[in-house]
Amino acid sequence: MTRATTLTRSGIAASVAGLVLGCWGIIGLAAGTAVQSAAAATDPGCTPDAAGPGIVQVCLQESQEGTTAAAFSTNSCDQIANRDDTLDYFVFVLPDSGDPGRSFVSVPAPTVYFDSGSTTGTVASNPKFFYASATAGDTLLEAVAHADNSTGTPTGGEAQEFVLTHTCPATATSTSSSSGTSTTTTTTTTGTTTSTTTSTTTSTVTGSVSGSSTTSTSSTATGSVSGISTTSGGGVGGIATPNTGAGIAALGGLLLVGGGLATIGIARRRRNLG
């Protein structure tokens, strides 16, 4: 078997392996993207109970789903107790619908769904209203509550619906920081050898709720053994994603294909020269 033939076969094998690895990586990327999309919060839907006396389940008017606090047409902070101005608030009202005595109940508590997840609503001091808070910029997907109709039976198109009456967008950002320093010194004497090790670690974390965060960590270790001192310092930073492994596999596959094709080209050149 000539060297050119061996190179050709090696090139073909590398190209085939690269194609297989590349396809696996591409499939992995697609699957990872699908899993991330599925993991995102979605509208769970809501089915109201039939109108009638007693406590019944009621749902948010569908036309009001998909809004943010800042985008909603009416902004007000009425009905909200102990407001945190770094959060968005959504305030809902229960129409009379021919039954003026009806109101929201706290048990079971209202549930409000956002694109970031779900939260429990709070019935206001006027039980015709309840509200829920969310991270600034969250999108409202759905809300489910229970109304006490007492002995009445509400009527009309809004009998089993409640509405988003107003929103109270965040007016401030939230920041927090923490820092700490620890120092450890250990001295060990054995015979004529003395070893002293001192390590100092300082970490600082600063975060902002409104869309930006910064984290920094630094460390320095200094040691001295019998008059010889060393100092080292370093940091590790990186971004990890669920698709990293699949992306590396796809890239590796492409490199293998390229290498295999190059090897086949070299083999053909040698055959032509020979």
C-alpha atoms as a PDB file:
ATOM      1  CA  MET A   1       0.000   0.000   0.000  1.00  0.00           C
ATOM      2  CA  THR A   2       1.511   3.327  -1.065  1.00  0.00           C
ATOM      3  CA  ARG A   3       1.834   6.289   1.270  1.00  0.00           C
ATOM      4  CA  ALA A   4      -0.557   8.272  -0.929  1.00  0.00           C
ATOM      5  CA  THR A   5      -3.216   5.567  -0.515  1.00  0.00           C
ATOM      6  CA  THR A   6      -2.716   5.567   3.264  1.00  0.00           C
ATOM      7  CA  LEU A   7      -3.082   9.360   3.385  1.00  0.00           C
ATOM      8  CA  THR A   8      -6.231   9.182   1.255  1.00  0.00           C
ATOM      9  CA  ARG A   9      -7.845   6.607   3.535  1.00  0.00           C
ATOM     10  CA  SER A  10      -6.861   8.575   6.624  1.00  0.00           C
ATOM     11  CA  GLY A  11      -8.343  11.722   5.118  1.00  0.00           C
ATOM     12  CA  ILE A  12     -11.599   9.968   4.274  1.00  0.00           C
ATOM     13  CA  ALA A  13     -11.826   8.494   7.796  1.00  0.00           C
ATOM     14  CA  ALA A  14     -11.199  11.893   9.397  1.00  0.00           C
ATOM     15  CA  SER A  15     -13.799  13.548   7.165  1.00  0.00           C
ATOM     16  CA  VAL A  16     -16.436  10.914   7.977  1.00  0.00           C
ATOM     17  CA  ALA A  17     -15.700  11.200  11.709  1.00  0.00           C
ATOM     18  CA  GLY A  18     -15.893  14.983  11.419  1.00  0.00           C
ATOM     19  CA  LEU A  19     -19.250  14.815   9.668  1.00  0.00           C
ATOM     20  CA  VAL A  20     -20.648  12.512  12.367  1.00  0.00           C
ATOM     21  CA  LEU A  21     -19.326  14.703  15.184  1.00  0.00           C
ATOM     22  CA  GLY A  22     -20.504  17.887  13.475  1.00  0.00           C
ATOM     23  CA  CYS A  23     -24.007  16.497  12.946  1.00  0.00           C
ATOM     24  CA  TRP A  24     -24.155  15.401  16.576  1.00  0.00           C
ATOM     25  CA  GLY A  25     -23.115  18.891  17.673  1.00  0.00           C
ATOM     26  CA  ILE A  26     -25.702  20.583  15.466  1.00  0.00           C
ATOM     27  CA  ILE A  27     -28.447  18.281  16.774  1.00  0.00           C
ATOM     28  CA  GLY A  28     -27.297  19.025  20.331  1.00  0.00           C
ATOM     29  CA  LEU A  29     -27.456  22.770  19.707  1.00  0.00           C
ATOM     30  CA  ALA A  30     -30.985  22.480  18.333  1.00  0.00           C
ATOM     31  CA  ALA A  31     -32.113  20.318  21.251  1.00  0.00           C
ATOM     32  CA  GLY A  32     -30.534  22.678  23.801  1.00  0.00           C
ATOM     33  CA  THR A  33     -32.280  25.662  22.254  1.00  0.00           C
ATOM     34  CA  ALA A  34     -35.600  23.812  22.320  1.00  0.00           C
ATOM     35  CA  VAL A  35     -35.142  22.915  26.002  1.00  0.00           C
ATOM     36  CA  GLN A  36     -34.346  26.525  26.903  1.00  0.00           C
ATOM     37  CA  SER A  37     -37.433  27.734  25.049  1.00  0.00           C
ATOM     38  CA  ALA A  38     -39.611  25.147  26.760  1.00  0.00           C
ATOM     39  CA  ALA A  39     -38.192  26.165  30.145  1.00  0.00           C
ATOM     40  CA  ALA A  40     -39.347  29.754  29.715  1.00  0.00           C
ATOM     41  CA  ALA A  41     -42.586  30.622  31.531  1.00  0.00           C
ATOM     42  CA  THR A  42     -45.696  30.350  29.393  1.00  0.00           C
ATOM     43  CA  ASP A  43     -49.357  31.301  29.799  1.00  0.00           C
ATOM     44  CA  PRO A  44     -50.942  28.414  31.765  1.00  0.00           C
ATOM     45  CA  GLY A  45     -54.468  29.429  30.736  1.00  0.00           C
ATOM     46  CA  CYS A  46     -57.462  29.858  33.013  1.00  0.00           C
ATOM     47  CA  THR A  47     -60.953  28.364  32.963  1.00  0.00           C
ATOM     48  CA  PRO A  48     -63.527  30.248  35.084  1.00  0.00           C
ATOM     49  CA  ASP A  49     -66.203  28.505  37.101  1.00  0.00           C
ATOM     50  CA  ALA A  50     -69.840  28.949  36.158  1.00  0.00           C
ATOM     51  CA  ALA A  51     -71.417  32.114  37.545  1.00  0.00           C
ATOM     52  CA  GLY A  52     -73.299  31.468  40.759  1.00  0.00           C
ATOM     53  CA  PRO A  53     -73.443  32.051  44.514  1.00  0.00           C
ATOM     54  CA  GLY A  54     -70.463  31.287  46.736  1.00  0.00           C
ATOM     55  CA  ILE A  55     -66.741  31.282  45.953  1.00  0.00           C
ATOM     56  CA  VAL A  56     -65.881  30.740  42.304  1.00  0.00           C
ATOM     57  CA  GLN A  57     -62.742  30.918  40.161  1.00  0.00           C
ATOM     58  CA  VAL A  58     -62.417  33.984  37.931  1.00  0.00           C
ATOM     59  CA  CYS A  59     -59.832  34.847  35.269  1.00  0.00           C
ATOM     60  CA  LEU A  60     -58.032  37.881  33.881  1.00  0.00           C
ATOM     61  CA  GLN A  61     -59.582  39.355  30.749  1.00  0.00           C
ATOM     62  CA  GLU A  62     -57.566  37.796  27.915  1.00  0.00           C
ATOM     63  CA  SER A  63     -57.163  41.008  25.939  1.00  0.00           C
ATOM     64  CA  GLN A  64     -55.005  42.399  28.784  1.00  0.00           C
ATOM     65  CA  GLU A  65     -52.449  39.588  28.761  1.00  0.00           C
ATOM     66  CA  GLY A  66     -49.011  40.264  27.320  1.00  0.00           C
ATOM     67  CA  THR A  67     -48.429  43.766  28.720  1.00  0.00           C
ATOM     68  CA  THR A  68     -45.725  45.233  30.936  1.00  0.00           C
ATOM     69  CA  ALA A  69     -46.303  47.750  33.719  1.00  0.00           C
ATOM     70  CA  ALA A  70     -44.591  50.538  31.792  1.00  0.00           C
ATOM     71  CA  ALA A  71     -46.518  49.820  28.590  1.00  0.00           C
ATOM     72  CA  PHE A  72     -49.984  49.729  30.198  1.00  0.00           C
ATOM     73  CA  SER A  73     -52.122  52.785  29.472  1.00  0.00           C
ATOM     74  CA  THR A  74     -53.015  53.684  33.074  1.00  0.00           C
ATOM     75  CA  ASN A  75     -50.270  54.161  35.677  1.00  0.00           C
ATOM     76  CA  SER A  76     -51.143  54.663  39.337  1.00  0.00           C
ATOM     77  CA  CYS A  77     -49.990  53.263  42.677  1.00  0.00           C
ATOM     78  CA  ASP A  78     -53.446  53.335  44.310  1.00  0.00           C
ATOM     79  CA  GLN A  79     -54.504  50.287  46.375  1.00  0.00           C
ATOM     80  CA  ILE A  80     -50.862  49.162  46.920  1.00  0.00           C
ATOM     81  CA  ALA A  81     -49.578  48.818  50.494  1.00  0.00           C
ATOM     82  CA  ASN A  82     -45.889  48.893  51.433  1.00  0.00           C
ATOM     83  CA  ARG A  83     -44.748  49.581  47.892  1.00  0.00           C
ATOM     84  CA  ASP A  84     -41.166  48.762  46.871  1.00  0.00           C
ATOM     85  CA  ASP A  85     -40.268  51.338  44.210  1.00  0.00           C
ATOM     86  CA  THR A  86     -37.767  48.979  42.565  1.00  0.00           C
ATOM     87  CA  LEU A  87     -40.585  46.623  41.520  1.00  0.00           C
ATOM     88  CA  ASP A  88     -43.427  46.788  39.002  1.00  0.00           C
ATOM     89  CA  TYR A  89     -46.971  46.428  40.391  1.00  0.00           C
ATOM     90  CA  PHE A  90     -50.130  45.238  38.627  1.00  0.00           C
ATOM     91  CA  VAL A  91     -53.518  46.096  40.177  1.00  0.00           C
ATOM     92  CA  PHE A  92     -56.692  44.165  39.294  1.00  0.00           C
ATOM     93  CA  VAL A  93     -60.360  44.965  39.962  1.00  0.00           C
ATOM     94  CA  LEU A  94     -63.473  42.794  40.103  1.00  0.00           C
ATOM     95  CA  PRO A  95     -66.469  44.270  38.215  1.00  0.00           C
ATOM     96  CA  ASP A  96     -69.859  44.258  39.988  1.00  0.00           C
ATOM     97  CA  SER A  97     -71.577  42.562  37.043  1.00  0.00           C
ATOM     98  CA  GLY A  98     -74.963  42.996  38.731  1.00  0.00           C
ATOM     99  CA  ASP A  99     -73.669  41.708  42.077  1.00  0.00           C
ATOM    100  CA  PRO A 100     -72.262  44.735  43.974  1.00  0.00           C
ATOM    101  CA  GLY A 101     -71.398  42.698  47.078  1.00  0.00           C
ATOM    102  CA  ARG A 102     -68.891  40.377  45.378  1.00  0.00           C
ATOM    103  CA  SER A 103     -65.193  40.628  46.246  1.00  0.00           C
ATOM    104  CA  PHE A 104     -61.874  38.815  45.944  1.00  0.00           C
ATOM    105  CA  VAL A 105     -60.901  36.297  48.626  1.00  0.00           C
ATOM    106  CA  SER A 106     -57.455  35.637  50.089  1.00  0.00           C
ATOM    107  CA  VAL A 107     -57.981  31.875  50.408  1.00  0.00           C
ATOM    108  CA  PRO A 108     -57.206  30.533  47.924  1.00  0.00           C
ATOM    109  CA  ALA A 109     -54.896  33.451  47.147  1.00  0.00           C
ATOM    110  CA  PRO A 110     -54.733  34.984  43.660  1.00  0.00           C
ATOM    111  CA  THR A 111     -51.903  33.771  41.397  1.00  0.00           C
ATOM    112  CA  VAL A 112     -50.294  35.968  38.742  1.00  0.00           C
ATOM    113  CA  TYR A 113     -48.056  34.601  35.985  1.00  0.00           C
ATOM    114  CA  PHE A 114     -45.219  36.562  34.381  1.00  0.00           C
ATOM    115  CA  ASP A 115     -42.623  35.607  31.811  1.00  0.00           C
ATOM    116  CA  SER A 116     -40.174  35.213  34.714  1.00  0.00           C
ATOM    117  CA  GLY A 117     -42.472  32.910  36.720  1.00  0.00           C
ATOM    118  CA  SER A 118     -45.524  33.086  38.982  1.00  0.00           C
ATOM    119  CA  THR A 119     -46.230  34.994  42.194  1.00  0.00           C
ATOM    120  CA  THR A 120     -48.998  35.243  44.780  1.00  0.00           C
ATOM    121  CA  GLY A 121     -51.270  38.271  44.669  1.00  0.00           C
ATOM    122  CA  THR A 122     -52.340  40.333  47.688  1.00  0.00           C
ATOM    123  CA  VAL A 123     -55.983  41.282  48.224  1.00  0.00           C
ATOM    124  CA  ALA A 124     -56.132  45.024  48.955  1.00  0.00           C
ATOM    125  CA  SER A 125     -57.847  46.678  51.912  1.00  0.00           C
ATOM    126  CA  ASN A 126     -60.733  47.232  49.511  1.00  0.00           C
ATOM    127  CA  PRO A 127     -61.337  43.574  48.507  1.00  0.00           C
ATOM    128  CA  LYS A 128     -62.623  44.640  45.112  1.00  0.00           C
ATOM    129  CA  PHE A 129     -58.911  44.898  44.250  1.00  0.00           C
ATOM    130  CA  PHE A 130     -55.794  42.750  44.445  1.00  0.00           C
ATOM    131  CA  TYR A 131     -52.272  43.446  43.290  1.00  0.00           C
ATOM    132  CA  ALA A 132     -49.023  41.612  42.550  1.00  0.00           C
ATOM    133  CA  SER A 133     -45.421  42.742  42.211  1.00  0.00           C
ATOM    134  CA  ALA A 134     -42.832  41.676  39.641  1.00  0.00           C
ATOM    135  CA  THR A 135     -39.294  42.456  38.593  1.00  0.00           C
ATOM    136  CA  ALA A 136     -39.159  45.646  36.558  1.00  0.00           C
ATOM    137  CA  GLY A 137     -39.884  44.923  32.907  1.00  0.00           C
ATOM    138  CA  ASP A 138     -41.662  41.572  33.399  1.00  0.00           C
ATOM    139  CA  THR A 139     -44.532  40.724  31.039  1.00  0.00           C
ATOM    140  CA  LEU A 140     -47.952  39.781  32.438  1.00  0.00           C
ATOM    141  CA  LEU A 141     -49.102  36.413  31.027  1.00  0.00           C
ATOM    142  CA  GLU A 142     -52.115  35.354  33.109  1.00  0.00           C
ATOM    143  CA  ALA A 143     -53.868  35.878  36.450  1.00  0.00           C
ATOM    144  CA  VAL A 144     -56.241  33.600  38.353  1.00  0.00           C
ATOM    145  CA  ALA A 145     -58.294  34.544  41.431  1.00  0.00           C
ATOM    146  CA  HIS A 146     -61.389  33.559  43.374  1.00  0.00           C
ATOM    147  CA  ALA A 147     -64.407  35.763  43.977  1.00  0.00           C
ATOM    148  CA  ASP A 148     -66.997  35.458  46.737  1.00  0.00           C
ATOM    149  CA  ASN A 149     -70.381  36.112  45.161  1.00  0.00           C
ATOM    150  CA  SER A 150     -72.129  35.519  48.488  1.00  0.00           C
ATOM    151  CA  THR A 151     -75.751  34.683  47.660  1.00  0.00           C
ATOM    152  CA  GLY A 152     -75.803  36.609  44.395  1.00  0.00           C
ATOM    153  CA  THR A 153     -75.215  35.519  40.824  1.00  0.00           C
ATOM    154  CA  PRO A 154     -73.225  37.981  38.675  1.00  0.00           C
ATOM    155  CA  THR A 155     -74.365  38.451  35.107  1.00  0.00           C
ATOM    156  CA  GLY A 156     -73.071  39.981  31.899  1.00  0.00           C
ATOM    157  CA  GLY A 157     -69.978  39.502  29.757  1.00  0.00           C
ATOM    158  CA  GLU A 158     -67.592  40.230  32.637  1.00  0.00           C
ATOM    159  CA  ALA A 159     -69.331  37.989  35.155  1.00  0.00           C
ATOM    160  CA  GLN A 160     -66.400  35.572  35.396  1.00  0.00           C
ATOM    161  CA  GLU A 161     -63.609  37.976  34.475  1.00  0.00           C
ATOM    162  CA  PHE A 162     -61.635  40.605  36.314  1.00  0.00           C
ATOM    163  CA  VAL A 163     -59.591  43.346  34.713  1.00  0.00           C
ATOM    164  CA  LEU A 164     -56.201  45.011  35.039  1.00  0.00           C
ATOM    165  CA  THR A 165     -57.192  48.489  36.176  1.00  0.00           C
ATOM    166  CA  HIS A 166     -53.765  50.144  36.469  1.00  0.00           C
ATOM    167  CA  THR A 167     -50.056  49.485  36.893  1.00  0.00           C
ATOM    168  CA  CYS A 168     -47.383  51.078  39.043  1.00  0.00           C
ATOM    169  CA  PRO A 169     -44.021  50.852  37.232  1.00  0.00           C
ATOM    170  CA  ALA A 170     -40.741  50.797  39.145  1.00  0.00           C
ATOM    171  CA  THR A 171     -39.182  54.211  39.672  1.00  0.00           C
ATOM    172  CA  ALA A 172     -35.819  53.171  41.136  1.00  0.00           C
ATOM    173  CA  THR A 173     -33.165  50.511  40.770  1.00  0.00           C
ATOM    174  CA  SER A 174     -31.958  48.258  43.538  1.00  0.00           C
ATOM    175  CA  THR A 175     -28.246  47.834  44.252  1.00  0.00           C
ATOM    176  CA  SER A 176     -26.500  45.842  46.892  1.00  0.00           C
ATOM    177  CA  SER A 177     -22.882  45.239  47.707  1.00  0.00           C
ATOM    178  CA  SER A 178     -20.967  43.054  50.096  1.00  0.00           C
ATOM    179  CA  SER A 179     -17.293  42.636  50.755  1.00  0.00           C
ATOM    180  CA  GLY A 180     -15.191  40.508  53.004  1.00  0.00           C
ATOM    181  CA  THR A 181     -11.540  39.901  53.729  1.00  0.00           C
ATOM    182  CA  SER A 182     -10.085  36.893  55.490  1.00  0.00           C
ATOM    183  CA  THR A 183      -6.451  36.278  56.423  1.00  0.00           C
ATOM    184  CA  THR A 184      -4.982  32.985  57.599  1.00  0.00           C
ATOM    185  CA  THR A 185      -1.391  32.610  58.836  1.00  0.00           C
ATOM    186  CA  THR A 186       0.165  29.227  59.639  1.00  0.00           C
ATOM    187  CA  THR A 187       3.699  28.755  60.955  1.00  0.00           C
ATOM    188  CA  THR A 188       5.268  25.297  61.181  1.00  0.00           C
ATOM    189  CA  THR A 189       8.742  24.562  62.524  1.00  0.00           C
ATOM    190  CA  THR A 190      10.388  21.190  61.912  1.00  0.00           C
ATOM    191  CA  GLY A 191      14.068  20.811  62.774  1.00  0.00           C
ATOM    192  CA  THR A 192      15.858  23.715  61.076  1.00  0.00           C
ATOM    193  CA  THR A 193      13.100  24.432  58.550  1.00  0.00           C
ATOM    194  CA  THR A 194      10.488  27.100  59.192  1.00  0.00           C
ATOM    195  CA  SER A 195       7.507  27.490  56.874  1.00  0.00           C
ATOM    196  CA  THR A 196       5.163  30.458  57.017  1.00  0.00           C
ATOM    197  CA  THR A 197       2.127  30.740  54.761  1.00  0.00           C
ATOM    198  CA  THR A 198      -0.180  33.726  54.664  1.00  0.00           C
ATOM    199  CA  SER A 199      -3.244  33.866  52.428  1.00  0.00           C
ATOM    200  CA  THR A 200      -5.609  36.782  51.950  1.00  0.00           C
ATOM    201  CA  THR A 201      -8.855  36.627  50.020  1.00  0.00           C
ATOM    202  CA  THR A 202     -10.972  39.651  49.223  1.00  0.00           C
ATOM    203  CA  SER A 203     -14.266  39.424  47.391  1.00  0.00           C
ATOM    204  CA  THR A 204     -16.704  42.088  46.315  1.00  0.00           C
ATOM    205  CA  VAL A 205     -20.117  41.532  44.758  1.00  0.00           C
ATOM    206  CA  THR A 206     -22.233  44.315  43.366  1.00  0.00           C
ATOM    207  CA  GLY A 207     -25.591  43.697  41.724  1.00  0.00           C
ATOM    208  CA  SER A 208     -28.320  45.773  40.125  1.00  0.00           C
ATOM    209  CA  VAL A 209     -31.876  44.511  39.847  1.00  0.00           C
ATOM    210  CA  SER A 210     -32.665  46.726  36.889  1.00  0.00           C
ATOM    211  CA  GLY A 211     -30.951  44.846  34.129  1.00  0.00           C
ATOM    212  CA  SER A 212     -27.258  44.924  34.979  1.00  0.00           C
ATOM    213  CA  SER A 213     -24.969  43.114  37.344  1.00  0.00           C
ATOM    214  CA  THR A 214     -21.264  43.084  38.039  1.00  0.00           C
ATOM    215  CA  THR A 215     -19.332  40.498  40.013  1.00  0.00           C
ATOM    216  CA  SER A 216     -15.652  40.717  40.738  1.00  0.00           C
ATOM    217  CA  THR A 217     -13.426  38.455  42.811  1.00  0.00           C
ATOM    218  CA  SER A 218      -9.723  38.745  43.446  1.00  0.00           C
ATOM    219  CA  SER A 219      -7.395  36.591  45.471  1.00  0.00           C
ATOM    220  CA  THR A 220      -3.721  36.802  46.459  1.00  0.00           C
ATOM    221  CA  ALA A 221      -1.631  34.227  48.269  1.00  0.00           C
ATOM    222  CA  THR A 222       1.883  34.879  49.586  1.00  0.00           C
ATOM    223  CA  GLY A 223       4.097  32.221  51.047  1.00  0.00           C
ATOM    224  CA  SER A 224       7.650  32.129  52.427  1.00  0.00           C
ATOM    225  CA  VAL A 225       9.739  29.024  53.048  1.00  0.00           C
ATOM    226  CA  SER A 226      13.285  29.321  54.412  1.00  0.00           C
ATOM    227  CA  GLY A 227      13.816  32.782  53.005  1.00  0.00           C
ATOM    228  CA  ILE A 228      12.294  32.137  49.568  1.00  0.00           C
ATOM    229  CA  SER A 229       9.094  34.059  48.908  1.00  0.00           C
ATOM    230  CA  THR A 230       6.529  33.535  46.149  1.00  0.00           C
ATOM    231  CA  THR A 231       3.442  35.527  45.251  1.00  0.00           C
ATOM    232  CA  SER A 232       0.675  34.365  42.979  1.00  0.00           C
ATOM    233  CA  GLY A 233      -2.635  35.865  42.047  1.00  0.00           C
ATOM    234  CA  GLY A 234      -5.307  35.046  39.553  1.00  0.00           C
ATOM    235  CA  GLY A 235      -8.909  35.092  38.661  1.00  0.00           C
ATOM    236  CA  VAL A 236     -11.167  32.826  36.641  1.00  0.00           C
ATOM    237  CA  GLY A 237     -14.041  34.186  34.647  1.00  0.00           C
ATOM    238  CA  GLY A 238     -16.274  32.604  32.066  1.00  0.00           C
ATOM    239  CA  ILE A 239     -19.697  32.255  30.616  1.00  0.00           C
ATOM    240  CA  ALA A 240     -21.317  28.850  30.644  1.00  0.00           C
ATOM    241  CA  THR A 241     -24.326  27.942  28.610  1.00  0.00           C
ATOM    242  CA  PRO A 242     -26.291  24.696  28.187  1.00  0.00           C
ATOM    243  CA  ASN A 243     -25.169  24.513  24.560  1.00  0.00           C
ATOM    244  CA  THR A 244     -21.424  24.868  25.156  1.00  0.00           C
ATOM    245  CA  GLY A 245     -20.624  21.148  24.762  1.00  0.00           C
ATOM    246  CA  ALA A 246     -22.682  20.794  21.613  1.00  0.00           C
ATOM    247  CA  GLY A 247     -21.086  23.892  20.114  1.00  0.00           C
ATOM    248  CA  ILE A 248     -17.588  22.540  20.788  1.00  0.00           C
ATOM    249  CA  ALA A 249     -18.565  19.228  19.202  1.00  0.00           C
ATOM    250  CA  ALA A 250     -19.877  20.966  16.086  1.00  0.00           C
ATOM    251  CA  LEU A 251     -16.682  23.025  15.800  1.00  0.00           C
ATOM    252  CA  GLY A 252     -14.527  19.938  16.308  1.00  0.00           C
ATOM    253  CA  GLY A 253     -16.448  18.134  13.592  1.00  0.00           C
ATOM    254  CA  LEU A 254     -15.856  20.954  11.144  1.00  0.00           C
ATOM    255  CA  LEU A 255     -12.130  20.934  11.952  1.00  0.00           C
ATOM    256  CA  LEU A 256     -11.962  17.171  11.393  1.00  0.00           C
ATOM    257  CA  VAL A 257     -13.707  17.491   8.042  1.00  0.00           C
ATOM    258  CA  GLY A 258     -11.315  20.257   7.036  1.00  0.00           C
ATOM    259  CA  GLY A 259      -8.296  18.223   8.122  1.00  0.00           C
ATOM    260  CA  GLY A 260      -9.541  15.160   6.307  1.00  0.00           C
ATOM    261  CA  LEU A 261     -10.088  17.054   3.071  1.00  0.00           C
ATOM    262  CA  ALA A 262      -6.637  18.611   3.360  1.00  0.00           C
ATOM    263  CA  THR A 263      -5.092  15.163   3.856  1.00  0.00           C
ATOM    264  CA  ILE A 264      -6.882  13.820   0.769  1.00  0.00           C
ATOM    265  CA  GLY A 265      -5.594  16.799  -1.206  1.00  0.00           C
ATOM    266  CA  ILE A 266      -2.010  16.121  -0.108  1.00  0.00           C
ATOM    267  CA  ALA A 267      -2.366  12.443  -1.046  1.00  0.00           C
ATOM    268  CA  ARG A 268      -3.580  13.320  -4.539  1.00  0.00           C
ATOM    269  CA  ARG A 269      -0.659  15.705  -5.009  1.00  0.00           C
ATOM    270  CA  ARG A 270       1.819  13.010  -4.022  1.00  0.00           C
ATOM    271  CA  ARG A 271       0.156  10.532  -6.394  1.00  0.00           C
ATOM    272  CA  ASN A 272       0.358  13.003  -9.258  1.00  0.00           C
ATOM    273  CA  LEU A 273       4.027  13.754  -8.521  1.00  0.00           C
ATOM    274  CA  GLY A 274       4.838  10.076  -8.283  1.00  0.00           C
END
